[in-house]
Amino acid sequence: MSGWIVDAVSDIVTLDSETLQPPPPTSAGDTVVPFLEGLAAIDDKMVMVLNLAALSDAVVVPEAA
């Protein structure tokens, strides 16, 4: 079992798939990070939409002693 601990949540929103923009390319032409699903404009803000499954794979948790 796994989960996430966060400091705070400011909003929870529902996005339509057409609202999601692809992540910008880096100078190498790849996406910025593998766990960035895309960007969405909400009101006057640009927010990052994360792929939590990919982010979980990227996190290394040390084994308990």
PDB file of N, CA and C in Angstrom:
ATOM      1  N   MET A   1       0.846  -1.172   0.000  1.00  0.00           N
ATOM      2  CA  MET A   1       0.000   0.000   0.000  1.00  0.00           C
ATOM      3  C   MET A   1       0.893   1.237   0.000  1.00  0.00           C
ATOM      4  N   SER A   2       0.505   2.235  -0.767  1.00  0.00           N
ATOM      5  CA  SER A   2       1.280   3.471  -0.808  1.00  0.00           C
ATOM      6  C   SER A   2       0.330   4.654  -0.844  1.00  0.00           C
ATOM      7  N   GLY A   3       0.865   5.811  -0.569  1.00  0.00           N
ATOM      8  CA  GLY A   3       0.062   7.024  -0.576  1.00  0.00           C
ATOM      9  C   GLY A   3       0.974   8.234  -0.600  1.00  0.00           C
ATOM     10  N   TRP A   4       0.382   9.391  -0.519  1.00  0.00           N
ATOM     11  CA  TRP A   4       1.118  10.646  -0.556  1.00  0.00           C
ATOM     12  C   TRP A   4       0.775  11.467   0.670  1.00  0.00           C
ATOM     13  N   ILE A   5       1.776  12.121   1.223  1.00  0.00           N
ATOM     14  CA  ILE A   5       1.579  13.077   2.307  1.00  0.00           C
ATOM     15  C   ILE A   5       1.932  14.446   1.740  1.00  0.00           C
ATOM     16  N   VAL A   6       1.027  15.391   1.857  1.00  0.00           N
ATOM     17  CA  VAL A   6       1.253  16.736   1.328  1.00  0.00           C
ATOM     18  C   VAL A   6       1.101  17.752   2.450  1.00  0.00           C
ATOM     19  N   ASP A   7       1.715  18.913   2.263  1.00  0.00           N
ATOM     20  CA  ASP A   7       1.613  19.977   3.257  1.00  0.00           C
ATOM     21  C   ASP A   7       0.244  20.651   3.231  1.00  0.00           C
ATOM     22  N   ALA A   8      -0.304  20.846   2.025  1.00  0.00           N
ATOM     23  CA  ALA A   8      -1.583  21.543   1.902  1.00  0.00           C
ATOM     24  C   ALA A   8      -2.197  21.261   0.540  1.00  0.00           C
ATOM     25  N   VAL A   9      -3.506  21.398   0.474  1.00  0.00           N
ATOM     26  CA  VAL A   9      -4.245  21.317  -0.785  1.00  0.00           C
ATOM     27  C   VAL A   9      -5.048  22.601  -0.891  1.00  0.00           C
ATOM     28  N   SER A  10      -4.842  23.346  -1.979  1.00  0.00           N
ATOM     29  CA  SER A  10      -5.553  24.617  -2.114  1.00  0.00           C
ATOM     30  C   SER A  10      -6.861  24.457  -2.882  1.00  0.00           C
ATOM     31  N   ASP A  11      -6.894  23.579  -3.880  1.00  0.00           N
ATOM     32  CA  ASP A  11      -8.099  23.362  -4.675  1.00  0.00           C
ATOM     33  C   ASP A  11      -8.065  21.968  -5.279  1.00  0.00           C
ATOM     34  N   ILE A  12      -9.222  21.429  -5.520  1.00  0.00           N
ATOM     35  CA  ILE A  12      -9.369  20.206  -6.300  1.00  0.00           C
ATOM     36  C   ILE A  12     -10.301  20.560  -7.447  1.00  0.00           C
ATOM     37  N   VAL A  13      -9.839  20.334  -8.670  1.00  0.00           N
ATOM     38  CA  VAL A  13     -10.629  20.708  -9.841  1.00  0.00           C
ATOM     39  C   VAL A  13     -10.770  19.516 -10.775  1.00  0.00           C
ATOM     40  N   THR A  14     -11.793  19.560 -11.599  1.00  0.00           N
ATOM     41  CA  THR A  14     -12.001  18.561 -12.641  1.00  0.00           C
ATOM     42  C   THR A  14     -11.687  19.217 -13.974  1.00  0.00           C
ATOM     43  N   LEU A  15     -10.850  18.553 -14.771  1.00  0.00           N
ATOM     44  CA  LEU A  15     -10.455  19.096 -16.068  1.00  0.00           C
ATOM     45  C   LEU A  15     -10.988  18.223 -17.191  1.00  0.00           C
ATOM     46  N   ASP A  16     -11.427  18.853 -18.267  1.00  0.00           N
ATOM     47  CA  ASP A  16     -11.750  18.125 -19.486  1.00  0.00           C
ATOM     48  C   ASP A  16     -10.443  17.806 -20.199  1.00  0.00           C
ATOM     49  N   SER A  17     -10.400  16.700 -20.919  1.00  0.00           N
ATOM     50  CA  SER A  17      -9.162  16.297 -21.589  1.00  0.00           C
ATOM     51  C   SER A  17      -8.699  17.334 -22.611  1.00  0.00           C
ATOM     52  N   GLU A  18      -9.621  18.077 -23.224  1.00  0.00           N
ATOM     53  CA  GLU A  18      -9.204  19.090 -24.201  1.00  0.00           C
ATOM     54  C   GLU A  18      -8.589  20.319 -23.539  1.00  0.00           C
ATOM     55  N   THR A  19      -8.750  20.471 -22.229  1.00  0.00           N
ATOM     56  CA  THR A  19      -8.148  21.580 -21.488  1.00  0.00           C
ATOM     57  C   THR A  19      -6.655  21.358 -21.278  1.00  0.00           C
ATOM     58  N   LEU A  20      -6.239  20.101 -21.242  1.00  0.00           N
ATOM     59  CA  LEU A  20      -4.853  19.750 -20.955  1.00  0.00           C
ATOM     60  C   LEU A  20      -3.958  20.019 -22.160  1.00  0.00           C
ATOM     61  N   GLN A  21      -2.891  20.787 -21.934  1.00  0.00           N
ATOM     62  CA  GLN A  21      -1.907  21.082 -22.973  1.00  0.00           C
ATOM     63  C   GLN A  21      -0.686  20.200 -22.747  1.00  0.00           C
ATOM     64  N   PRO A  22      -0.001  19.784 -23.802  1.00  0.00           N
ATOM     65  CA  PRO A  22       1.186  18.947 -23.609  1.00  0.00           C
ATOM     66  C   PRO A  22       2.286  19.722 -22.893  1.00  0.00           C
ATOM     67  N   PRO A  23       3.145  19.017 -22.158  1.00  0.00           N
ATOM     68  CA  PRO A  23       4.250  19.712 -21.493  1.00  0.00           C
ATOM     69  C   PRO A  23       5.207  20.293 -22.525  1.00  0.00           C
ATOM     70  N   PRO A  24       5.859  21.402 -22.199  1.00  0.00           N
ATOM     71  CA  PRO A  24       6.795  22.002 -23.152  1.00  0.00           C
ATOM     72  C   PRO A  24       8.040  21.133 -23.315  1.00  0.00           C
ATOM     73  N   PRO A  25       8.644  21.142 -24.504  1.00  0.00           N
ATOM     74  CA  PRO A  25       9.869  20.355 -24.708  1.00  0.00           C
ATOM     75  C   PRO A  25      11.070  21.021 -24.044  1.00  0.00           C
ATOM     76  N   THR A  26      12.053  20.217 -23.714  1.00  0.00           N
ATOM     77  CA  THR A  26      13.312  20.753 -23.201  1.00  0.00           C
ATOM     78  C   THR A  26      14.211  21.052 -24.389  1.00  0.00           C
ATOM     79  N   SER A  27      15.398  21.532 -24.134  1.00  0.00           N
ATOM     80  CA  SER A  27      16.330  21.816 -25.226  1.00  0.00           C
ATOM     81  C   SER A  27      16.728  20.540 -25.960  1.00  0.00           C
ATOM     82  N   ALA A  28      16.618  19.385 -25.270  1.00  0.00           N
ATOM     83  CA  ALA A  28      16.941  18.105 -25.905  1.00  0.00           C
ATOM     84  C   ALA A  28      15.759  17.569 -26.709  1.00  0.00           C
ATOM     85  N   GLY A  29      14.591  18.235 -26.619  1.00  0.00           N
ATOM     86  CA  GLY A  29      13.425  17.800 -27.366  1.00  0.00           C
ATOM     87  C   GLY A  29      12.531  16.840 -26.611  1.00  0.00           C
ATOM     88  N   ASP A  30      12.952  16.400 -25.427  1.00  0.00           N
ATOM     89  CA  ASP A  30      12.128  15.510 -24.614  1.00  0.00           C
ATOM     90  C   ASP A  30      11.158  16.335 -23.781  1.00  0.00           C
ATOM     91  N   THR A  31      10.190  15.667 -23.163  1.00  0.00           N
ATOM     92  CA  THR A  31       9.316  16.388 -22.249  1.00  0.00           C
ATOM     93  C   THR A  31      10.114  16.794 -21.020  1.00  0.00           C
ATOM     94  N   VAL A  32       9.626  17.774 -20.294  1.00  0.00           N
ATOM     95  CA  VAL A  32      10.343  18.334 -19.151  1.00  0.00           C
ATOM     96  C   VAL A  32      10.698  17.252 -18.140  1.00  0.00           C
ATOM     97  N   VAL A  33       9.731  16.544 -17.693  1.00  0.00           N
ATOM     98  CA  VAL A  33       9.935  15.451 -16.747  1.00  0.00           C
ATOM     99  C   VAL A  33       8.933  14.356 -17.072  1.00  0.00           C
ATOM    100  N   PRO A  34       9.287  13.108 -16.839  1.00  0.00           N
ATOM    101  CA  PRO A  34       8.378  12.028 -17.220  1.00  0.00           C
ATOM    102  C   PRO A  34       7.067  12.001 -16.436  1.00  0.00           C
ATOM    103  N   PHE A  35       7.041  12.633 -15.261  1.00  0.00           N
ATOM    104  CA  PHE A  35       5.817  12.592 -14.468  1.00  0.00           C
ATOM    105  C   PHE A  35       4.928  13.821 -14.658  1.00  0.00           C
ATOM    106  N   LEU A  36       5.283  14.713 -15.582  1.00  0.00           N
ATOM    107  CA  LEU A  36       4.433  15.859 -15.894  1.00  0.00           C
ATOM    108  C   LEU A  36       3.482  15.459 -17.015  1.00  0.00           C
ATOM    109  N   GLU A  37       2.208  15.325 -16.693  1.00  0.00           N
ATOM    110  CA  GLU A  37       1.193  14.906 -17.667  1.00  0.00           C
ATOM    111  C   GLU A  37       0.882  16.031 -18.646  1.00  0.00           C
ATOM    112  N   GLY A  38       0.855  17.265 -18.131  1.00  0.00           N
ATOM    113  CA  GLY A  38       0.566  18.400 -18.995  1.00  0.00           C
ATOM    114  C   GLY A  38       0.322  19.651 -18.183  1.00  0.00           C
ATOM    115  N   LEU A  39      -0.139  20.690 -18.859  1.00  0.00           N
ATOM    116  CA  LEU A  39      -0.429  21.980 -18.236  1.00  0.00           C
ATOM    117  C   LEU A  39      -1.878  22.345 -18.513  1.00  0.00           C
ATOM    118  N   ALA A  40      -2.471  23.077 -17.590  1.00  0.00           N
ATOM    119  CA  ALA A  40      -3.850  23.526 -17.777  1.00  0.00           C
ATOM    120  C   ALA A  40      -3.988  24.948 -17.256  1.00  0.00           C
ATOM    121  N   ALA A  41      -4.700  25.780 -17.998  1.00  0.00           N
ATOM    122  CA  ALA A  41      -4.989  27.142 -17.564  1.00  0.00           C
ATOM    123  C   ALA A  41      -6.313  27.121 -16.808  1.00  0.00           C
ATOM    124  N   ILE A  42      -6.261  27.552 -15.551  1.00  0.00           N
ATOM    125  CA  ILE A  42      -7.456  27.612 -14.712  1.00  0.00           C
ATOM    126  C   ILE A  42      -7.550  29.034 -14.170  1.00  0.00           C
ATOM    127  N   ASP A  43      -8.627  29.715 -14.513  1.00  0.00           N
ATOM    128  CA  ASP A  43      -8.791  31.134 -14.188  1.00  0.00           C
ATOM    129  C   ASP A  43      -7.581  31.879 -14.737  1.00  0.00           C
ATOM    130  N   ASP A  44      -6.822  32.557 -13.900  1.00  0.00           N
ATOM    131  CA  ASP A  44      -5.643  33.295 -14.359  1.00  0.00           C
ATOM    132  C   ASP A  44      -4.356  32.566 -13.998  1.00  0.00           C
ATOM    133  N   LYS A  45      -4.444  31.257 -13.753  1.00  0.00           N
ATOM    134  CA  LYS A  45      -3.275  30.499 -13.309  1.00  0.00           C
ATOM    135  C   LYS A  45      -2.959  29.378 -14.290  1.00  0.00           C
ATOM    136  N   MET A  46      -1.679  29.044 -14.392  1.00  0.00           N
ATOM    137  CA  MET A  46      -1.241  27.874 -15.146  1.00  0.00           C
ATOM    138  C   MET A  46      -0.842  26.832 -14.110  1.00  0.00           C
ATOM    139  N   VAL A  47      -1.440  25.650 -14.193  1.00  0.00           N
ATOM    140  CA  VAL A  47      -1.149  24.598 -13.221  1.00  0.00           C
ATOM    141  C   VAL A  47      -0.544  23.392 -13.927  1.00  0.00           C
ATOM    142  N   MET A  48       0.305  22.672 -13.199  1.00  0.00           N
ATOM    143  CA  MET A  48       0.902  21.446 -13.714  1.00  0.00           C
ATOM    144  C   MET A  48       0.031  20.272 -13.292  1.00  0.00           C
ATOM    145  N   VAL A  49      -0.221  19.363 -14.222  1.00  0.00           N
ATOM    146  CA  VAL A  49      -0.980  18.148 -13.940  1.00  0.00           C
ATOM    147  C   VAL A  49       0.028  17.006 -13.909  1.00  0.00           C
ATOM    148  N   LEU A  50       0.108  16.331 -12.767  1.00  0.00           N
ATOM    149  CA  LEU A  50       1.112  15.290 -12.578  1.00  0.00           C
ATOM    150  C   LEU A  50       0.546  13.907 -12.861  1.00  0.00           C
ATOM    151  N   ASN A  51       1.400  13.032 -13.358  1.00  0.00           N
ATOM    152  CA  ASN A  51       1.083  11.615 -13.517  1.00  0.00           C
ATOM    153  C   ASN A  51       1.622  10.935 -12.261  1.00  0.00           C
ATOM    154  N   LEU A  52       0.750  10.665 -11.291  1.00  0.00           N
ATOM    155  CA  LEU A  52       1.195  10.152  -9.997  1.00  0.00           C
ATOM    156  C   LEU A  52       1.805   8.762 -10.092  1.00  0.00           C
ATOM    157  N   ALA A  53       1.355   7.946 -11.039  1.00  0.00           N
ATOM    158  CA  ALA A  53       1.947   6.615 -11.201  1.00  0.00           C
ATOM    159  C   ALA A  53       3.408   6.740 -11.628  1.00  0.00           C
ATOM    160  N   ALA A  54       3.702   7.620 -12.582  1.00  0.00           N
ATOM    161  CA  ALA A  54       5.083   7.829 -13.026  1.00  0.00           C
ATOM    162  C   ALA A  54       5.914   8.472 -11.923  1.00  0.00           C
ATOM    163  N   LEU A  55       5.309   9.370 -11.163  1.00  0.00           N
ATOM    164  CA  LEU A  55       6.018  10.010 -10.061  1.00  0.00           C
ATOM    165  C   LEU A  55       6.362   8.993  -8.982  1.00  0.00           C
ATOM    166  N   SER A  56       5.450   8.080  -8.698  1.00  0.00           N
ATOM    167  CA  SER A  56       5.711   7.026  -7.708  1.00  0.00           C
ATOM    168  C   SER A  56       6.878   6.154  -8.137  1.00  0.00           C
ATOM    169  N   ASP A  57       6.964   5.860  -9.435  1.00  0.00           N
ATOM    170  CA  ASP A  57       8.072   5.055  -9.943  1.00  0.00           C
ATOM    171  C   ASP A  57       9.404   5.789  -9.817  1.00  0.00           C
ATOM    172  N   ALA A  58       9.377   7.137  -9.861  1.00  0.00           N
ATOM    173  CA  ALA A  58      10.599   7.933  -9.821  1.00  0.00           C
ATOM    174  C   ALA A  58      11.114   8.148  -8.397  1.00  0.00           C
ATOM    175  N   VAL A  59      10.253   7.973  -7.397  1.00  0.00           N
ATOM    176  CA  VAL A  59      10.639   8.214  -6.005  1.00  0.00           C
ATOM    177  C   VAL A  59      11.363   6.986  -5.466  1.00  0.00           C
ATOM    178  N   VAL A  60      12.531   7.218  -4.896  1.00  0.00           N
ATOM    179  CA  VAL A  60      13.303   6.132  -4.288  1.00  0.00           C
ATOM    180  C   VAL A  60      13.162   6.245  -2.779  1.00  0.00           C
ATOM    181  N   VAL A  61      12.621   5.204  -2.166  1.00  0.00           N
ATOM    182  CA  VAL A  61      12.429   5.189  -0.716  1.00  0.00           C
ATOM    183  C   VAL A  61      13.461   4.244  -0.117  1.00  0.00           C
ATOM    184  N   PRO A  62      14.282   4.738   0.817  1.00  0.00           N
ATOM    185  CA  PRO A  62      15.280   3.856   1.427  1.00  0.00           C
ATOM    186  C   PRO A  62      14.606   2.762   2.250  1.00  0.00           C
ATOM    187  N   GLU A  63      15.220   1.593   2.264  1.00  0.00           N
ATOM    188  CA  GLU A  63      14.673   0.488   3.040  1.00  0.00           C
ATOM    189  C   GLU A  63      14.862   0.748   4.525  1.00  0.00           C
ATOM    190  N   ALA A  64      13.902   0.291   5.320  1.00  0.00           N
ATOM    191  CA  ALA A  64      13.996   0.445   6.772  1.00  0.00           C
ATOM    192  C   ALA A  64      15.080  -0.483   7.306  1.00  0.00           C
ATOM    193  N   ALA A  65      15.798  -0.004   8.294  1.00  0.00           N
ATOM    194  CA  ALA A  65      16.887  -0.810   8.873  1.00  0.00           C
ATOM    195  C   ALA A  65      16.356  -1.837   9.841  1.00  0.00           C
TER     196      ALA A  65
END
